[in-house]
């Protein structure tokens, strides 16, 4: 009897301690006829998942076969004991590597861009977004824990050598820094002050990359978030306002003078620039209405009627993530649904007609296009 109990106890311990190997790569769903594009061969989708759920996942759409693969990280990395982590906040490809910024897990997962296999990790507290320039990665960090705090510390930007994946320098910026852009040897950082409501930060920090010091600050508007730059050196930075008497806006900063030169009365949930067009989506805080906007950057005029032209927007509950394929103009929009159930990825052609939609992970949000020069 004692031997039987001992055997059962050891079996339970072994089963609990040993990680069950992941199942084989699930059968992909064919969502579109295969396409041979000039540069892009596929696109990765990072699903954020809700804070505290520790369920950020990675999907992949293969342009050449028309197949969509869900939750591929553990499948491609059977040696790993956990999935990506808590809140996937950004996804970028630079060189042969792909970087997934996992906010509440305080880590950047570095993968081989071709097959999403693990190559390393970079530990940065409350990391938010990542950009690249001349062999270095720059990551914005809230620096402190995830909590509302009127006395929160200033955030910082970490400089990382992409060859060694080591942090080589840091510089303090404003409070709770968000997205960034690089131009003319300068790094522009949008500071939100999101933990200090209602006393939001309203500045863009300008970092000289040669000295890695903040050389100036540009006062814009409260609660800054998104940033994109066009081919004229115009930086578009979104303000979420204060959710009370200051409404959301999109501002334009001229990087040659570091002065505000224009603004648009529009809410921005996500945005991206391809060519002479800025694409934007939003779920307005005050009205609850969704928008799918385009701005002609050559004239600085909002293009009427947005970019979805077949009425499919009526199916989208909460537009959350946005990307545009620079190769063929496909527009990807994600629907976060209720934030706790699997979301949906929609793909529209450049004329705004639906090509396909597919159920993804929880809160699909961020995209990275895999190009032929990366996938050998």
Protein backbone atom coordinates (compact mmCIF):
# COMPACT_ATOMS: atom_id res chain seq x y z
CA UNK A 1 0.00 0.00 0.00
CA UNK A 2 2.79 2.40 0.94
CA UNK A 3 4.62 1.58 -2.29
CA UNK A 4 1.47 2.28 -4.31
CA UNK A 5 1.00 5.65 -2.59
CA UNK A 6 4.65 6.53 -3.14
CA UNK A 7 4.38 5.64 -6.83
CA UNK A 8 1.25 7.77 -7.20
CA UNK A 9 2.92 10.70 -5.41
CA UNK A 10 6.00 10.53 -7.64
CA UNK A 11 3.86 10.28 -10.75
CA UNK A 12 1.89 13.39 -9.78
CA UNK A 13 5.11 15.30 -9.03
CA UNK A 14 6.64 14.27 -12.34
CA UNK A 15 3.51 15.27 -14.25
CA UNK A 16 3.29 18.65 -12.50
CA UNK A 17 6.96 19.54 -12.81
CA UNK A 18 7.52 18.36 -16.37
CA UNK A 19 6.22 20.76 -19.02
CA UNK A 20 3.94 19.02 -21.44
CA UNK A 21 5.42 19.42 -24.94
CA UNK A 22 3.42 21.66 -27.27
CA UNK A 23 1.15 20.08 -29.80
CA UNK A 24 2.26 19.97 -33.43
CA UNK A 25 1.77 23.07 -35.55
CA UNK A 26 -2.03 23.33 -35.85
CA UNK A 27 -3.53 23.12 -39.29
CA UNK A 28 -3.57 26.64 -40.74
CA UNK A 29 -6.74 28.08 -42.14
CA UNK A 30 -6.65 29.02 -45.81
CA UNK A 31 -8.17 32.50 -45.86
CA UNK A 32 -7.09 33.82 -49.26
CA UNK A 33 -5.61 32.60 -52.56
CA UNK A 34 -1.82 32.67 -52.46
CA UNK A 35 -0.15 35.82 -53.78
CA UNK A 36 3.39 36.42 -55.00
CA UNK A 37 4.34 39.96 -54.02
CA UNK A 38 7.51 41.81 -54.93
CA UNK A 39 8.85 42.15 -51.38
CA UNK A 40 6.46 40.96 -48.65
CA UNK A 41 6.04 37.21 -48.07
CA UNK A 42 4.04 37.28 -44.84
CA UNK A 43 2.90 39.23 -41.80
CA UNK A 44 3.14 38.45 -38.09
CA UNK A 45 0.34 39.48 -35.71
CA UNK A 46 1.00 40.04 -32.01
CA UNK A 47 -2.07 39.49 -29.84
CA UNK A 48 -1.83 41.64 -26.70
CA UNK A 49 -4.25 39.82 -24.38
CA UNK A 50 -5.63 41.52 -21.28
CA UNK A 51 -3.31 42.66 -18.51
CA UNK A 52 -2.77 39.96 -15.91
CA UNK A 53 -3.77 37.09 -18.20
CA UNK A 54 -0.20 36.33 -19.31
CA UNK A 55 -1.55 35.20 -22.69
CA UNK A 56 0.15 37.29 -25.39
CA UNK A 57 0.41 35.14 -28.52
CA UNK A 58 1.84 35.31 -32.03
CA UNK A 59 0.05 34.55 -35.33
CA UNK A 60 1.37 34.47 -38.88
CA UNK A 61 -0.28 35.03 -42.28
CA UNK A 62 1.61 33.53 -45.23
CA UNK A 63 0.98 35.62 -48.35
CA UNK A 64 2.42 32.99 -50.68
CA UNK A 65 0.05 30.20 -49.56
CA UNK A 66 -2.87 32.27 -48.22
CA UNK A 67 -2.65 30.37 -44.91
CA UNK A 68 -3.16 31.90 -41.46
CA UNK A 69 -1.42 30.24 -38.49
CA UNK A 70 -2.52 30.97 -34.90
CA UNK A 71 -0.48 30.87 -31.69
CA UNK A 72 2.80 29.72 -33.19
CA UNK A 73 5.35 30.78 -30.56
CA UNK A 74 5.41 27.68 -28.34
CA UNK A 75 5.03 25.44 -31.36
CA UNK A 76 8.14 26.96 -32.94
CA UNK A 77 9.95 26.93 -29.57
CA UNK A 78 9.31 23.59 -27.85
CA UNK A 79 12.18 24.25 -25.42
CA UNK A 80 10.39 27.27 -23.92
CA UNK A 81 8.38 26.78 -20.73
CA UNK A 82 6.03 29.71 -21.23
CA UNK A 83 4.33 31.68 -23.94
CA UNK A 84 5.21 35.30 -24.77
CA UNK A 85 3.94 36.78 -21.50
CA UNK A 86 1.75 39.57 -20.18
CA UNK A 87 0.56 42.24 -22.68
CA UNK A 88 2.23 42.29 -26.09
CA UNK A 89 2.74 46.01 -26.70
CA UNK A 90 4.84 46.27 -29.88
CA UNK A 91 6.26 44.10 -32.66
CA UNK A 92 9.02 45.08 -35.08
CA UNK A 93 11.46 43.40 -37.48
CA UNK A 94 14.99 44.76 -37.82
CA UNK A 95 17.59 42.90 -39.82
CA UNK A 96 17.17 39.17 -39.29
CA UNK A 97 15.52 39.53 -35.87
CA UNK A 98 11.99 40.20 -34.67
CA UNK A 99 11.37 41.99 -31.39
CA UNK A 100 8.18 41.54 -29.36
CA UNK A 101 7.83 44.09 -26.54
CA UNK A 102 5.97 42.40 -23.67
CA UNK A 103 4.97 45.28 -21.43
CA UNK A 104 3.92 43.83 -18.06
CA UNK A 105 6.40 40.95 -18.26
CA UNK A 106 9.17 43.56 -18.46
CA UNK A 107 10.86 41.77 -21.34
CA UNK A 108 11.58 42.02 -25.03
CA UNK A 109 11.42 38.61 -26.69
CA UNK A 110 13.92 38.45 -29.55
CA UNK A 111 13.20 35.93 -32.29
CA UNK A 112 14.53 34.85 -35.64
CA UNK A 113 12.33 36.84 -38.01
CA UNK A 114 12.11 34.05 -40.55
CA UNK A 115 10.62 31.38 -38.31
CA UNK A 116 9.85 33.02 -34.91
CA UNK A 117 12.37 30.87 -33.02
CA UNK A 118 13.76 32.26 -29.76
CA UNK A 119 17.13 34.03 -29.91
CA UNK A 120 17.24 35.98 -26.65
CA UNK A 121 15.58 38.28 -24.14
CA UNK A 122 16.17 41.87 -23.04
CA UNK A 123 14.87 42.81 -19.59
CA UNK A 124 13.44 46.34 -19.35
CA UNK A 125 10.82 47.33 -16.74
CA UNK A 126 7.43 48.35 -18.08
CA UNK A 127 8.76 48.47 -21.65
CA UNK A 128 6.47 50.08 -24.21
CA UNK A 129 7.72 50.61 -27.80
CA UNK A 130 10.83 49.98 -29.90
CA UNK A 131 12.50 51.72 -32.87
CA UNK A 132 15.83 51.18 -34.61
CA UNK A 133 18.68 53.21 -36.09
CA UNK A 134 22.16 52.24 -37.30
CA UNK A 135 22.49 48.97 -35.44
CA UNK A 136 20.84 50.08 -32.21
CA UNK A 137 17.38 49.56 -30.79
CA UNK A 138 15.71 52.23 -28.67
CA UNK A 139 13.03 51.17 -26.17
CA UNK A 140 10.72 53.45 -24.20
CA UNK A 141 10.18 52.46 -20.56
CA UNK A 142 7.82 53.70 -17.88
CA UNK A 143 10.64 52.69 -15.44
CA UNK A 144 8.31 52.01 -12.52
CA UNK A 145 5.56 49.48 -11.72
CA UNK A 146 2.15 49.38 -13.39
CA UNK A 147 0.15 51.65 -11.11
CA UNK A 148 -1.43 55.08 -10.96
CA UNK A 149 0.94 57.33 -9.02
CA UNK A 150 0.99 61.16 -8.99
CA UNK A 151 4.61 60.90 -7.85
CA UNK A 152 5.68 58.38 -10.49
CA UNK A 153 9.30 58.55 -11.59
CA UNK A 154 10.29 59.83 -15.01
CA UNK A 155 10.58 57.28 -17.76
CA UNK A 156 13.62 56.56 -19.87
CA UNK A 157 14.79 55.31 -23.24
CA UNK A 158 17.19 52.36 -23.32
CA UNK A 159 19.79 52.03 -26.08
CA UNK A 160 20.46 48.42 -27.08
CA UNK A 161 23.19 46.96 -29.28
CA UNK A 162 21.27 44.68 -31.66
CA UNK A 163 24.35 42.51 -32.23
CA UNK A 164 24.81 41.61 -28.55
CA UNK A 165 21.29 42.38 -27.23
CA UNK A 166 22.94 44.31 -24.37
CA UNK A 167 21.75 47.64 -22.98
CA UNK A 168 24.59 50.10 -23.56
CA UNK A 169 23.02 53.34 -22.30
CA UNK A 170 19.85 54.95 -20.94
CA UNK A 171 18.54 58.51 -20.87
CA UNK A 172 15.73 60.02 -18.79
CA UNK A 173 12.84 61.57 -20.70
CA UNK A 174 9.35 62.62 -19.59
CA UNK A 175 6.70 60.71 -17.69
CA UNK A 176 5.42 57.40 -19.09
CA UNK A 177 6.99 57.65 -22.59
CA UNK A 178 5.23 55.98 -25.49
CA UNK A 179 5.97 55.80 -29.23
CA UNK A 180 9.08 57.23 -30.88
CA UNK A 181 10.42 58.16 -34.33
CA UNK A 182 13.96 58.72 -35.59
CA UNK A 183 15.04 61.38 -38.10
CA UNK A 184 18.10 63.52 -38.79
CA UNK A 185 20.14 62.04 -35.96
CA UNK A 186 17.40 62.71 -33.40
CA UNK A 187 15.00 60.50 -31.51
CA UNK A 188 11.58 62.01 -30.76
CA UNK A 189 9.70 60.54 -27.77
CA UNK A 190 6.01 61.09 -26.98
CA UNK A 191 5.48 61.40 -23.20
CA UNK A 192 2.01 60.60 -21.85
CA UNK A 193 2.09 61.01 -18.08
CA UNK A 194 -0.60 58.35 -18.10
CA UNK A 195 -0.01 57.32 -14.48
CA UNK A 196 -0.37 60.91 -13.27
CA UNK A 197 -3.92 61.71 -14.40
CA UNK A 198 -5.28 64.34 -14.50
CA UNK A 199 -1.82 65.98 -14.56
CA UNK A 200 -0.69 64.44 -17.84
CA UNK A 201 2.64 65.11 -19.48
CA UNK A 202 2.41 67.18 -22.66
CA UNK A 203 5.93 67.12 -24.08
CA UNK A 204 7.92 65.46 -26.82
CA UNK A 205 11.50 64.78 -25.70
CA UNK A 206 14.13 65.28 -28.42
CA UNK A 207 17.23 63.10 -27.97
CA UNK A 208 20.49 63.78 -29.80
CA UNK A 209 21.58 60.28 -30.81
CA UNK A 210 25.25 61.22 -31.15
CA UNK A 211 25.47 62.24 -27.48
CA UNK A 212 22.41 60.32 -26.30
CA UNK A 213 21.19 63.29 -24.29
CA UNK A 214 17.90 65.19 -24.32
CA UNK A 215 18.62 68.42 -26.14
CA UNK A 216 15.14 69.97 -25.95
CA UNK A 217 11.46 69.39 -25.20
CA UNK A 218 8.54 70.39 -27.39
CA UNK A 219 5.27 71.25 -25.64
CA UNK A 220 2.41 69.75 -27.64
CA UNK A 221 -0.72 68.62 -25.72
CA UNK A 222 -1.66 66.35 -22.80
CA UNK A 223 -1.39 62.57 -22.84
CA UNK A 224 0.68 61.97 -25.98
CA UNK A 225 0.76 58.48 -27.47
CA UNK A 226 1.19 57.59 -31.16
CA UNK A 227 3.92 58.84 -33.48
CA UNK A 228 4.60 58.51 -37.22
CA UNK A 229 6.82 60.43 -39.62
CA UNK A 230 6.34 61.11 -43.34
CA UNK A 231 8.93 61.54 -46.08
CA UNK A 232 8.92 65.32 -45.63
CA UNK A 233 10.12 65.12 -42.04
CA UNK A 234 6.71 65.93 -40.59
CA UNK A 235 6.09 64.12 -37.32
CA UNK A 236 2.49 63.23 -36.50
CA UNK A 237 1.87 62.83 -32.77
CA UNK A 238 -1.48 62.02 -31.20
CA UNK A 239 -2.86 63.47 -27.99
CA UNK A 240 -5.57 61.56 -26.14
CA UNK A 241 -6.61 64.71 -24.26
CA UNK A 242 -7.64 64.44 -20.62
CA UNK A 243 -10.92 62.53 -21.12
CA UNK A 244 -12.74 65.58 -19.76
CA UNK A 245 -12.52 69.12 -21.13
CA UNK A 246 -9.53 68.64 -23.49
CA UNK A 247 -10.41 66.59 -26.55
CA UNK A 248 -8.17 64.25 -28.51
CA UNK A 249 -6.18 65.73 -31.41
CA UNK A 250 -3.51 64.88 -33.95
CA UNK A 251 -0.62 67.35 -34.15
CA UNK A 252 2.07 67.88 -36.78
CA UNK A 253 5.63 68.84 -35.78
CA UNK A 254 8.19 69.95 -38.37
CA UNK A 255 11.40 68.10 -37.50
CA UNK A 256 13.53 70.75 -39.24
CA UNK A 257 12.35 73.44 -36.82
CA UNK A 258 10.86 71.33 -34.00
CA UNK A 259 7.76 73.52 -34.11
CA UNK A 260 4.07 72.59 -34.25
CA UNK A 261 2.76 73.51 -37.69
CA UNK A 262 -0.71 71.92 -37.94
CA UNK A 263 -3.35 69.91 -36.11
CA UNK A 264 -6.45 67.82 -36.81
CA UNK A 265 -9.50 67.48 -34.58
CA UNK A 266 -9.54 63.71 -34.56
CA UNK A 267 -9.10 60.84 -32.14
CA UNK A 268 -6.31 58.36 -32.89
CA UNK A 269 -6.31 54.78 -31.65
CA UNK A 270 -3.62 53.67 -34.08
CA UNK A 271 -2.08 55.14 -37.22
CA UNK A 272 0.48 54.40 -39.90
CA UNK A 273 1.96 56.21 -42.89
CA UNK A 274 2.57 54.64 -46.29
CA UNK A 275 3.66 56.89 -49.13
CA UNK A 276 1.66 60.11 -49.09
CA UNK A 277 -1.21 58.75 -47.01
CA UNK A 278 -1.74 58.59 -43.26
CA UNK A 279 -4.19 55.87 -42.21
CA UNK A 280 -5.87 56.07 -38.81
CA UNK A 281 -8.46 54.21 -36.77
CA UNK A 282 -10.19 55.16 -33.53
CA UNK A 283 -12.91 54.26 -31.10
CA UNK A 284 -13.84 57.69 -29.75
CA UNK A 285 -13.85 57.89 -25.94
CA UNK A 286 -16.72 60.40 -25.71
CA UNK A 287 -19.05 59.19 -28.48
CA UNK A 288 -18.12 55.51 -28.72
CA UNK A 289 -18.14 55.85 -32.52
CA UNK A 290 -15.56 54.18 -34.74
CA UNK A 291 -13.60 55.94 -37.47
CA UNK A 292 -11.37 54.82 -40.35
CA UNK A 293 -9.62 57.90 -41.67
CA UNK A 294 -7.09 58.90 -44.31
CA UNK A 295 -5.09 62.12 -44.64
CA UNK A 296 -3.50 63.15 -47.94
CA UNK A 297 -0.07 64.28 -46.75
CA UNK A 298 0.67 66.21 -49.93
CA UNK A 299 -2.25 68.56 -49.23
CA UNK A 300 -2.77 67.94 -45.48
CA UNK A 301 -6.46 67.32 -46.15
CA UNK A 302 -8.61 64.58 -44.65
CA UNK A 303 -9.90 62.29 -47.40
CA UNK A 304 -13.67 61.93 -47.22
CA UNK A 305 -15.36 58.65 -46.32
CA UNK A 306 -12.32 56.86 -44.92
CA UNK A 307 -10.66 53.73 -46.28
CA UNK A 308 -13.29 50.97 -45.89
CA UNK A 309 -15.60 51.22 -48.88
CA UNK A 310 -17.75 48.07 -48.80
CA UNK A 311 -19.66 48.58 -45.55
CA UNK A 312 -17.65 45.95 -43.66
CA UNK A 313 -16.89 48.43 -40.89
CA UNK A 314 -20.35 47.67 -39.50
CA UNK A 315 -19.01 44.26 -38.42
CA UNK A 316 -16.18 45.77 -36.33
CA UNK A 317 -16.92 46.40 -32.66
CA UNK A 318 -13.67 48.01 -31.46
CA UNK A 319 -11.04 48.90 -34.10
CA UNK A 320 -7.74 48.42 -32.30
CA UNK A 321 -4.72 47.57 -34.49
CA UNK A 322 -3.77 48.90 -37.93
CA UNK A 323 -1.13 48.19 -40.55
CA UNK A 324 -0.74 48.76 -44.30
CA UNK A 325 1.29 46.47 -46.53
CA UNK A 326 3.80 48.73 -48.32
CA UNK A 327 3.98 46.21 -51.16
CA UNK A 328 0.40 46.01 -52.40
CA UNK A 329 -1.54 48.45 -50.20
CA UNK A 330 -3.49 45.82 -48.23
CA UNK A 331 -4.97 47.38 -45.09
CA UNK A 332 -5.12 45.27 -41.92
CA UNK A 333 -7.54 46.28 -39.15
CA UNK A 334 -8.11 44.33 -35.95
CA UNK A 335 -11.23 44.13 -33.82
CA UNK A 336 -10.62 43.77 -30.06
CA UNK A 337 -14.27 42.77 -29.51
CA UNK A 338 -14.81 42.68 -25.71
CA UNK A 339 -11.07 42.51 -24.91
CA UNK A 340 -11.53 39.11 -23.24
CA UNK A 341 -12.59 36.94 -26.19
CA UNK A 342 -10.64 36.14 -29.37
CA UNK A 343 -10.48 39.14 -31.68
CA UNK A 344 -10.65 39.32 -35.47
CA UNK A 345 -8.13 40.37 -38.10
CA UNK A 346 -9.63 41.97 -41.22
CA UNK A 347 -7.69 42.43 -44.46
CA UNK A 348 -8.89 44.95 -47.05
CA UNK A 349 -7.37 45.59 -50.44
CA UNK A 350 -6.04 49.04 -51.31
CA UNK A 351 -9.51 50.04 -52.53
CA UNK A 352 -11.10 49.23 -49.18
CA UNK A 353 -12.81 45.97 -50.20
CA UNK A 354 -12.66 43.04 -47.78
CA UNK A 355 -10.24 40.27 -48.86
CA UNK A 356 -10.62 38.07 -45.77
CA UNK A 357 -11.19 38.00 -42.02
CA UNK A 358 -9.95 35.50 -39.46
CA UNK A 359 -10.38 34.87 -35.73
CA UNK A 360 -7.07 35.59 -33.98
CA UNK A 361 -5.95 35.68 -30.34
CA UNK A 362 -7.16 38.02 -27.61
CA UNK A 363 -6.76 41.68 -28.61
CA UNK A 364 -4.88 41.35 -31.91
CA UNK A 365 -2.96 44.60 -32.13
CA UNK A 366 0.50 44.77 -33.73
CA UNK A 367 1.90 43.76 -37.11
CA UNK A 368 5.32 43.10 -38.61
CA UNK A 369 5.76 42.43 -42.33
CA UNK A 370 8.25 39.71 -43.26
CA UNK A 371 10.14 40.55 -46.46
CA UNK A 372 12.05 38.41 -48.93
CA UNK A 373 15.44 39.82 -47.95
CA UNK A 374 14.78 38.61 -44.38
CA UNK A 375 13.28 35.22 -45.25
CA UNK A 376 16.01 33.38 -47.13
